[in-house]
N, C-alpha and C. Protein backbone atom coordinates (compact mmCIF):
# COMPACT_ATOMS: atom_id res chain seq x y z
N MET A 1 -168.35 -39.65 208.03
CA MET A 1 -168.76 -40.89 208.63
C MET A 1 -168.36 -40.87 210.11
N ARG A 2 -169.26 -41.30 210.95
CA ARG A 2 -169.00 -41.36 212.38
C ARG A 2 -168.46 -42.72 212.78
N THR A 3 -167.49 -42.71 213.66
CA THR A 3 -166.97 -43.98 214.15
C THR A 3 -167.48 -44.20 215.57
N LEU A 4 -167.72 -45.42 215.90
CA LEU A 4 -168.17 -45.76 217.25
C LEU A 4 -166.96 -46.08 218.11
N LEU A 5 -166.96 -45.55 219.31
CA LEU A 5 -165.91 -45.86 220.26
C LEU A 5 -166.43 -46.90 221.23
N ARG A 6 -165.62 -47.88 221.47
CA ARG A 6 -166.00 -48.94 222.40
C ARG A 6 -165.75 -48.46 223.82
N TYR A 7 -166.74 -48.56 224.68
CA TYR A 7 -166.62 -48.15 226.07
C TYR A 7 -165.89 -49.22 226.86
N ASP A 8 -164.86 -48.81 227.56
CA ASP A 8 -164.07 -49.72 228.37
C ASP A 8 -164.04 -49.18 229.80
N PRO A 9 -164.84 -49.74 230.71
CA PRO A 9 -164.89 -49.20 232.07
C PRO A 9 -163.60 -49.39 232.86
N TYR A 10 -162.69 -50.25 232.39
CA TYR A 10 -161.46 -50.52 233.13
C TYR A 10 -160.26 -49.76 232.59
N SER A 11 -160.45 -48.93 231.59
CA SER A 11 -159.32 -48.23 230.98
C SER A 11 -158.63 -47.30 231.97
N VAL A 12 -159.39 -46.65 232.83
CA VAL A 12 -158.79 -45.75 233.82
C VAL A 12 -157.93 -46.54 234.79
N ALA A 13 -158.40 -47.71 235.21
CA ALA A 13 -157.61 -48.54 236.14
C ALA A 13 -156.32 -49.00 235.48
N ARG A 14 -156.37 -49.38 234.19
CA ARG A 14 -155.15 -49.79 233.50
C ARG A 14 -154.17 -48.63 233.36
N ASP A 15 -154.69 -47.44 233.06
CA ASP A 15 -153.82 -46.26 232.97
C ASP A 15 -153.16 -45.97 234.31
N PHE A 16 -153.92 -46.14 235.38
CA PHE A 16 -153.40 -45.94 236.72
C PHE A 16 -152.26 -46.93 237.02
N ASP A 17 -152.48 -48.22 236.66
CA ASP A 17 -151.44 -49.24 236.86
C ASP A 17 -150.19 -48.92 236.06
N ARG A 18 -150.37 -48.52 234.80
CA ARG A 18 -149.21 -48.19 233.96
C ARG A 18 -148.40 -47.04 234.53
N PHE A 19 -149.10 -46.07 235.13
CA PHE A 19 -148.41 -44.93 235.73
C PHE A 19 -147.47 -45.39 236.84
N PHE A 20 -147.94 -46.31 237.70
CA PHE A 20 -147.12 -46.76 238.82
C PHE A 20 -146.07 -47.79 238.43
N GLU A 21 -146.21 -48.44 237.25
CA GLU A 21 -145.21 -49.40 236.80
C GLU A 21 -143.85 -48.75 236.60
N GLN A 22 -143.82 -47.49 236.30
CA GLN A 22 -142.54 -46.82 236.07
C GLN A 22 -141.72 -46.68 237.36
N PHE A 23 -142.36 -46.83 238.51
CA PHE A 23 -141.66 -46.69 239.78
C PHE A 23 -141.23 -48.00 240.40
N SER A 24 -141.67 -49.12 239.84
CA SER A 24 -141.28 -50.42 240.39
C SER A 24 -141.21 -51.43 239.26
N THR A 25 -140.52 -52.52 239.54
CA THR A 25 -140.48 -53.61 238.57
C THR A 25 -141.48 -54.68 239.02
N PRO A 26 -141.97 -55.53 238.13
CA PRO A 26 -142.93 -56.56 238.52
C PRO A 26 -142.41 -57.48 239.62
N VAL A 27 -141.11 -57.66 239.71
CA VAL A 27 -140.56 -58.54 240.73
C VAL A 27 -140.72 -57.94 242.12
N ASP A 28 -140.78 -56.60 242.21
CA ASP A 28 -140.95 -55.94 243.50
C ASP A 28 -142.35 -56.13 244.06
N ARG A 29 -143.31 -56.39 243.20
CA ARG A 29 -144.69 -56.55 243.64
C ARG A 29 -144.95 -58.00 244.00
N PRO A 30 -145.95 -58.25 244.86
CA PRO A 30 -146.28 -59.65 245.17
C PRO A 30 -146.79 -60.36 243.94
N TRP A 31 -146.51 -61.65 243.88
CA TRP A 31 -146.96 -62.46 242.76
C TRP A 31 -148.41 -62.86 243.00
N ILE A 32 -149.27 -62.52 242.06
CA ILE A 32 -150.68 -62.87 242.15
C ILE A 32 -151.05 -63.63 240.88
N PRO A 33 -151.14 -64.96 240.96
CA PRO A 33 -151.48 -65.73 239.76
C PRO A 33 -152.87 -65.39 239.26
N ARG A 34 -153.05 -65.49 237.95
CA ARG A 34 -154.36 -65.24 237.33
C ARG A 34 -155.30 -66.40 237.60
N VAL A 35 -156.58 -66.07 237.78
CA VAL A 35 -157.58 -67.07 238.12
C VAL A 35 -158.82 -66.86 237.25
N ASP A 36 -159.35 -67.96 236.70
CA ASP A 36 -160.66 -67.96 236.04
C ASP A 36 -161.60 -68.76 236.92
N VAL A 37 -162.80 -68.24 237.17
CA VAL A 37 -163.82 -68.95 237.93
C VAL A 37 -165.06 -68.98 237.06
N PHE A 38 -165.55 -70.20 236.78
CA PHE A 38 -166.73 -70.31 235.94
C PHE A 38 -167.58 -71.49 236.38
N ASP A 39 -168.83 -71.44 235.95
CA ASP A 39 -169.81 -72.44 236.35
C ASP A 39 -170.05 -73.42 235.23
N ARG A 40 -169.99 -74.69 235.55
CA ARG A 40 -170.46 -75.73 234.65
C ARG A 40 -171.81 -76.19 235.17
N GLU A 41 -172.44 -77.07 234.44
CA GLU A 41 -173.78 -77.51 234.84
C GLU A 41 -173.79 -78.12 236.24
N ASP A 42 -172.75 -78.87 236.58
CA ASP A 42 -172.76 -79.59 237.85
C ASP A 42 -171.67 -79.18 238.83
N ALA A 43 -170.85 -78.17 238.49
CA ALA A 43 -169.74 -77.79 239.38
C ALA A 43 -169.26 -76.38 239.10
N LEU A 44 -168.57 -75.85 240.08
CA LEU A 44 -167.86 -74.58 239.93
C LEU A 44 -166.42 -74.94 239.61
N ILE A 45 -165.83 -74.31 238.59
CA ILE A 45 -164.46 -74.59 238.19
C ILE A 45 -163.60 -73.37 238.49
N VAL A 46 -162.47 -73.61 239.14
CA VAL A 46 -161.48 -72.57 239.42
C VAL A 46 -160.21 -72.97 238.70
N ARG A 47 -159.80 -72.19 237.72
CA ARG A 47 -158.60 -72.49 236.93
C ARG A 47 -157.56 -71.40 237.21
N THR A 48 -156.34 -71.83 237.54
CA THR A 48 -155.28 -70.91 237.93
C THR A 48 -154.02 -71.17 237.12
N GLU A 49 -153.38 -70.09 236.65
CA GLU A 49 -152.10 -70.20 235.95
C GLU A 49 -150.97 -70.26 236.97
N LEU A 50 -150.25 -71.37 236.97
CA LEU A 50 -149.13 -71.54 237.90
C LEU A 50 -147.92 -72.13 237.17
N PRO A 51 -147.39 -71.43 236.18
CA PRO A 51 -146.26 -71.98 235.42
C PRO A 51 -145.00 -72.06 236.27
N GLY A 52 -144.22 -73.09 235.99
CA GLY A 52 -142.94 -73.24 236.67
C GLY A 52 -143.03 -73.86 238.04
N LEU A 53 -144.18 -74.39 238.41
CA LEU A 53 -144.32 -75.04 239.72
C LEU A 53 -144.55 -76.52 239.55
N ARG A 54 -144.24 -77.26 240.59
CA ARG A 54 -144.61 -78.67 240.66
C ARG A 54 -145.83 -78.77 241.56
N SER A 55 -146.56 -79.85 241.45
CA SER A 55 -147.77 -79.98 242.28
C SER A 55 -147.43 -79.95 243.77
N GLU A 56 -146.22 -80.37 244.13
CA GLU A 56 -145.81 -80.32 245.53
C GLU A 56 -145.65 -78.89 246.05
N ASP A 57 -145.50 -77.92 245.14
CA ASP A 57 -145.31 -76.52 245.52
C ASP A 57 -146.63 -75.80 245.75
N ILE A 58 -147.75 -76.48 245.49
CA ILE A 58 -149.06 -75.85 245.53
C ILE A 58 -149.88 -76.43 246.68
N ASP A 59 -150.57 -75.55 247.41
CA ASP A 59 -151.42 -75.98 248.51
C ASP A 59 -152.83 -75.45 248.26
N VAL A 60 -153.82 -76.34 248.27
CA VAL A 60 -155.22 -75.96 248.09
C VAL A 60 -155.96 -76.35 249.36
N THR A 61 -156.61 -75.37 249.99
CA THR A 61 -157.37 -75.63 251.22
C THR A 61 -158.75 -75.01 251.10
N LEU A 62 -159.69 -75.60 251.82
CA LEU A 62 -161.05 -75.08 251.87
C LEU A 62 -161.45 -75.01 253.34
N GLU A 63 -161.78 -73.79 253.78
CA GLU A 63 -162.17 -73.61 255.17
C GLU A 63 -163.24 -72.51 255.23
N ASN A 64 -164.38 -72.84 255.83
CA ASN A 64 -165.48 -71.87 255.98
C ASN A 64 -165.86 -71.22 254.66
N SER A 65 -166.05 -72.01 253.63
CA SER A 65 -166.45 -71.54 252.29
C SER A 65 -165.39 -70.68 251.61
N GLU A 66 -164.16 -70.71 252.08
CA GLU A 66 -163.07 -69.98 251.45
C GLU A 66 -162.08 -70.96 250.84
N LEU A 67 -162.00 -70.97 249.52
CA LEU A 67 -161.05 -71.81 248.80
C LEU A 67 -159.77 -71.01 248.64
N THR A 68 -158.68 -71.51 249.20
CA THR A 68 -157.41 -70.79 249.15
C THR A 68 -156.38 -71.61 248.38
N ILE A 69 -155.75 -70.96 247.40
CA ILE A 69 -154.67 -71.54 246.62
C ILE A 69 -153.41 -70.78 247.00
N SER A 70 -152.40 -71.50 247.47
CA SER A 70 -151.17 -70.83 247.89
C SER A 70 -149.97 -71.68 247.52
N GLY A 71 -148.81 -71.08 247.64
CA GLY A 71 -147.58 -71.79 247.33
C GLY A 71 -146.43 -70.83 247.16
N SER A 72 -145.39 -71.34 246.53
CA SER A 72 -144.19 -70.53 246.35
C SER A 72 -143.47 -70.96 245.09
N ARG A 73 -142.93 -69.98 244.38
CA ARG A 73 -142.11 -70.26 243.20
C ARG A 73 -140.77 -69.57 243.40
N SER A 74 -139.70 -70.33 243.18
CA SER A 74 -138.37 -69.74 243.33
C SER A 74 -137.47 -70.22 242.19
N PHE A 75 -136.47 -69.44 241.94
CA PHE A 75 -135.48 -69.76 240.92
C PHE A 75 -134.11 -69.73 241.59
N GLU A 76 -133.17 -70.39 240.96
CA GLU A 76 -131.82 -70.35 241.49
C GLU A 76 -131.34 -68.91 241.50
N GLU A 77 -130.94 -68.46 242.66
CA GLU A 77 -130.47 -67.08 242.77
C GLU A 77 -128.97 -67.04 242.53
N GLU A 78 -128.64 -66.52 241.41
CA GLU A 78 -127.23 -66.33 241.06
C GLU A 78 -127.05 -64.89 240.66
N ASP A 79 -125.85 -64.43 240.76
CA ASP A 79 -125.57 -63.09 240.27
C ASP A 79 -125.40 -63.19 238.77
N ARG A 80 -126.51 -63.04 238.07
CA ARG A 80 -126.51 -63.24 236.63
C ARG A 80 -126.34 -61.94 235.86
N GLY A 81 -126.30 -60.83 236.55
CA GLY A 81 -126.19 -59.57 235.85
C GLY A 81 -127.41 -59.28 235.01
N TYR A 82 -128.59 -59.40 235.61
CA TYR A 82 -129.83 -59.19 234.87
C TYR A 82 -129.85 -57.83 234.19
N HIS A 83 -130.31 -57.81 232.96
CA HIS A 83 -130.58 -56.56 232.27
C HIS A 83 -132.04 -56.16 232.46
N ARG A 84 -132.87 -57.17 232.62
CA ARG A 84 -134.29 -56.96 232.86
C ARG A 84 -134.80 -58.18 233.60
N ARG A 85 -135.64 -57.97 234.59
CA ARG A 85 -136.18 -59.09 235.36
C ARG A 85 -137.67 -58.86 235.57
N GLU A 86 -138.48 -59.67 234.91
CA GLU A 86 -139.92 -59.51 234.97
C GLU A 86 -140.67 -60.72 235.51
N ILE A 87 -140.04 -61.88 235.57
CA ILE A 87 -140.71 -63.08 236.03
C ILE A 87 -140.81 -63.03 237.55
N ALA A 88 -142.05 -62.95 238.03
CA ALA A 88 -142.28 -62.85 239.47
C ALA A 88 -141.99 -64.17 240.16
N HIS A 89 -141.55 -64.10 241.38
CA HIS A 89 -141.30 -65.29 242.17
C HIS A 89 -141.63 -64.98 243.62
N GLY A 90 -141.57 -66.00 244.45
CA GLY A 90 -141.90 -65.84 245.86
C GLY A 90 -143.21 -66.51 246.19
N GLU A 91 -143.73 -66.17 247.35
CA GLU A 91 -144.96 -66.78 247.82
C GLU A 91 -146.17 -66.09 247.19
N PHE A 92 -147.24 -66.85 247.04
CA PHE A 92 -148.49 -66.31 246.52
C PHE A 92 -149.66 -66.91 247.26
N GLN A 93 -150.80 -66.22 247.17
CA GLN A 93 -152.03 -66.74 247.77
C GLN A 93 -153.22 -66.08 247.09
N ARG A 94 -154.19 -66.90 246.71
CA ARG A 94 -155.46 -66.41 246.15
C ARG A 94 -156.58 -67.09 246.92
N THR A 95 -157.61 -66.33 247.27
CA THR A 95 -158.76 -66.86 247.99
C THR A 95 -160.02 -66.56 247.20
N ILE A 96 -160.85 -67.57 247.03
CA ILE A 96 -162.12 -67.45 246.34
C ILE A 96 -163.20 -67.86 247.33
N TYR A 97 -164.22 -67.02 247.47
CA TYR A 97 -165.31 -67.32 248.39
C TYR A 97 -166.38 -68.10 247.65
N LEU A 98 -166.76 -69.26 248.21
CA LEU A 98 -167.73 -70.15 247.57
C LEU A 98 -169.10 -70.00 248.20
N PRO A 99 -170.15 -69.94 247.39
CA PRO A 99 -171.51 -69.96 247.94
C PRO A 99 -171.81 -71.31 248.59
N ASP A 100 -172.84 -71.34 249.41
CA ASP A 100 -173.19 -72.56 250.15
C ASP A 100 -173.70 -73.69 249.26
N GLU A 101 -174.03 -73.41 248.01
CA GLU A 101 -174.61 -74.44 247.15
C GLU A 101 -173.59 -75.47 246.66
N TYR A 102 -172.32 -75.32 247.02
CA TYR A 102 -171.29 -76.24 246.55
C TYR A 102 -170.89 -77.21 247.65
N ASP A 103 -170.56 -78.44 247.24
CA ASP A 103 -170.24 -79.53 248.16
C ASP A 103 -168.73 -79.62 248.37
N ALA A 104 -168.25 -79.05 249.45
CA ALA A 104 -166.81 -78.98 249.72
C ALA A 104 -166.18 -80.35 249.96
N ASP A 105 -166.98 -81.32 250.38
CA ASP A 105 -166.43 -82.64 250.68
C ASP A 105 -166.01 -83.40 249.43
N LYS A 106 -166.48 -82.99 248.28
CA LYS A 106 -166.18 -83.71 247.04
C LYS A 106 -165.30 -82.90 246.08
N ILE A 107 -164.55 -81.97 246.61
CA ILE A 107 -163.68 -81.12 245.80
C ILE A 107 -162.55 -81.97 245.20
N SER A 108 -162.14 -81.62 243.98
CA SER A 108 -161.02 -82.33 243.35
C SER A 108 -160.18 -81.31 242.58
N ALA A 109 -158.92 -81.68 242.33
CA ALA A 109 -158.02 -80.77 241.61
C ALA A 109 -157.09 -81.57 240.71
N GLU A 110 -156.75 -80.97 239.58
CA GLU A 110 -155.78 -81.54 238.63
C GLU A 110 -154.80 -80.45 238.24
N TYR A 111 -153.55 -80.85 238.03
CA TYR A 111 -152.52 -79.89 237.63
C TYR A 111 -151.76 -80.44 236.43
N HIS A 112 -151.86 -79.74 235.30
CA HIS A 112 -151.19 -80.15 234.06
C HIS A 112 -150.69 -78.91 233.33
N ASP A 113 -149.49 -78.97 232.83
CA ASP A 113 -148.92 -77.94 231.96
C ASP A 113 -149.06 -76.53 232.53
N GLY A 114 -148.86 -76.39 233.83
CA GLY A 114 -148.90 -75.07 234.45
C GLY A 114 -150.28 -74.54 234.77
N LEU A 115 -151.32 -75.35 234.57
CA LEU A 115 -152.68 -74.94 234.90
C LEU A 115 -153.25 -75.83 235.99
N LEU A 116 -153.70 -75.23 237.06
CA LEU A 116 -154.37 -75.94 238.14
C LEU A 116 -155.87 -75.76 237.94
N GLU A 117 -156.60 -76.88 237.87
CA GLU A 117 -158.05 -76.81 237.71
C GLU A 117 -158.70 -77.50 238.89
N ILE A 118 -159.48 -76.73 239.63
CA ILE A 118 -160.18 -77.23 240.81
C ILE A 118 -161.66 -77.30 240.48
N SER A 119 -162.26 -78.44 240.80
CA SER A 119 -163.69 -78.64 240.55
C SER A 119 -164.40 -78.80 241.90
N VAL A 120 -165.39 -77.94 242.13
CA VAL A 120 -166.19 -78.01 243.35
C VAL A 120 -167.62 -78.33 242.94
N PRO A 121 -168.06 -79.59 243.13
CA PRO A 121 -169.40 -80.00 242.67
C PRO A 121 -170.52 -79.28 243.41
N LYS A 122 -171.62 -79.11 242.71
CA LYS A 122 -172.81 -78.54 243.34
C LYS A 122 -173.47 -79.61 244.20
N ARG A 123 -174.15 -79.18 245.25
CA ARG A 123 -174.90 -80.12 246.09
C ARG A 123 -176.05 -80.70 245.27
N PRO A 124 -176.40 -81.97 245.48
CA PRO A 124 -177.46 -82.60 244.68
C PRO A 124 -178.79 -81.85 244.73
N GLU A 125 -179.10 -81.25 245.86
CA GLU A 125 -180.39 -80.57 245.98
C GLU A 125 -180.49 -79.27 245.17
N VAL A 126 -179.35 -78.72 244.72
CA VAL A 126 -179.41 -77.50 243.91
C VAL A 126 -179.23 -77.78 242.42
N LEU A 127 -178.93 -79.02 242.06
CA LEU A 127 -178.81 -79.36 240.64
C LEU A 127 -180.18 -79.29 239.98
N PRO A 128 -180.23 -78.84 238.75
CA PRO A 128 -181.53 -78.78 238.07
C PRO A 128 -182.09 -80.19 237.86
N LYS A 129 -183.37 -80.32 238.10
CA LYS A 129 -184.01 -81.62 237.92
C LYS A 129 -184.76 -81.61 236.60
N LYS A 130 -184.65 -82.73 235.91
CA LYS A 130 -185.36 -82.89 234.65
C LYS A 130 -186.35 -84.02 234.84
N VAL A 131 -187.60 -83.70 234.65
CA VAL A 131 -188.67 -84.66 234.85
C VAL A 131 -189.39 -84.85 233.53
N LYS A 132 -189.51 -86.09 233.14
CA LYS A 132 -190.26 -86.44 231.90
C LYS A 132 -191.74 -86.49 232.24
N VAL A 133 -192.50 -85.69 231.58
CA VAL A 133 -193.94 -85.65 231.82
C VAL A 133 -194.63 -86.40 230.68
N GLU A 134 -195.39 -87.39 231.06
CA GLU A 134 -196.15 -88.18 230.10
C GLU A 134 -197.38 -87.39 229.66
N ILE A 135 -197.66 -87.43 228.41
CA ILE A 135 -198.82 -86.72 227.87
C ILE A 135 -199.92 -87.74 227.56
N ALA A 136 -201.05 -87.54 228.20
CA ALA A 136 -202.18 -88.46 228.01
C ALA A 136 -202.90 -88.13 226.72
N GLU A 137 -203.41 -89.16 226.05
CA GLU A 137 -204.13 -88.96 224.80
C GLU A 137 -205.62 -89.12 225.02
């Protein structure tokens, strides 16, 4: 019986990352929060994982179609005698480039339970129009 192998185009990149992990700890690398960007019917949604922060620690700006999420996460620095340290801290910044079809003036954001969700509405002229067509008898 033949088995099918699933093709994974990113496996080489993950192997490459694993190779270099042995030379540094995650804390040595810059903190890059994970981001999901997806389209709803009327808006673009940008969702970012930012655990351990308060809303005051987060800055969201939009300039020239570039949505930038930045901030800083820090912990009390004590000589704790770490055996392992994997939780990244420090400053971070993520930039997402927005197409012109979105209305930057009506952007909104909510932050709950470590997730920042930014909603960028589509301009009215690019929203799909639904027209009811009467059928004559």
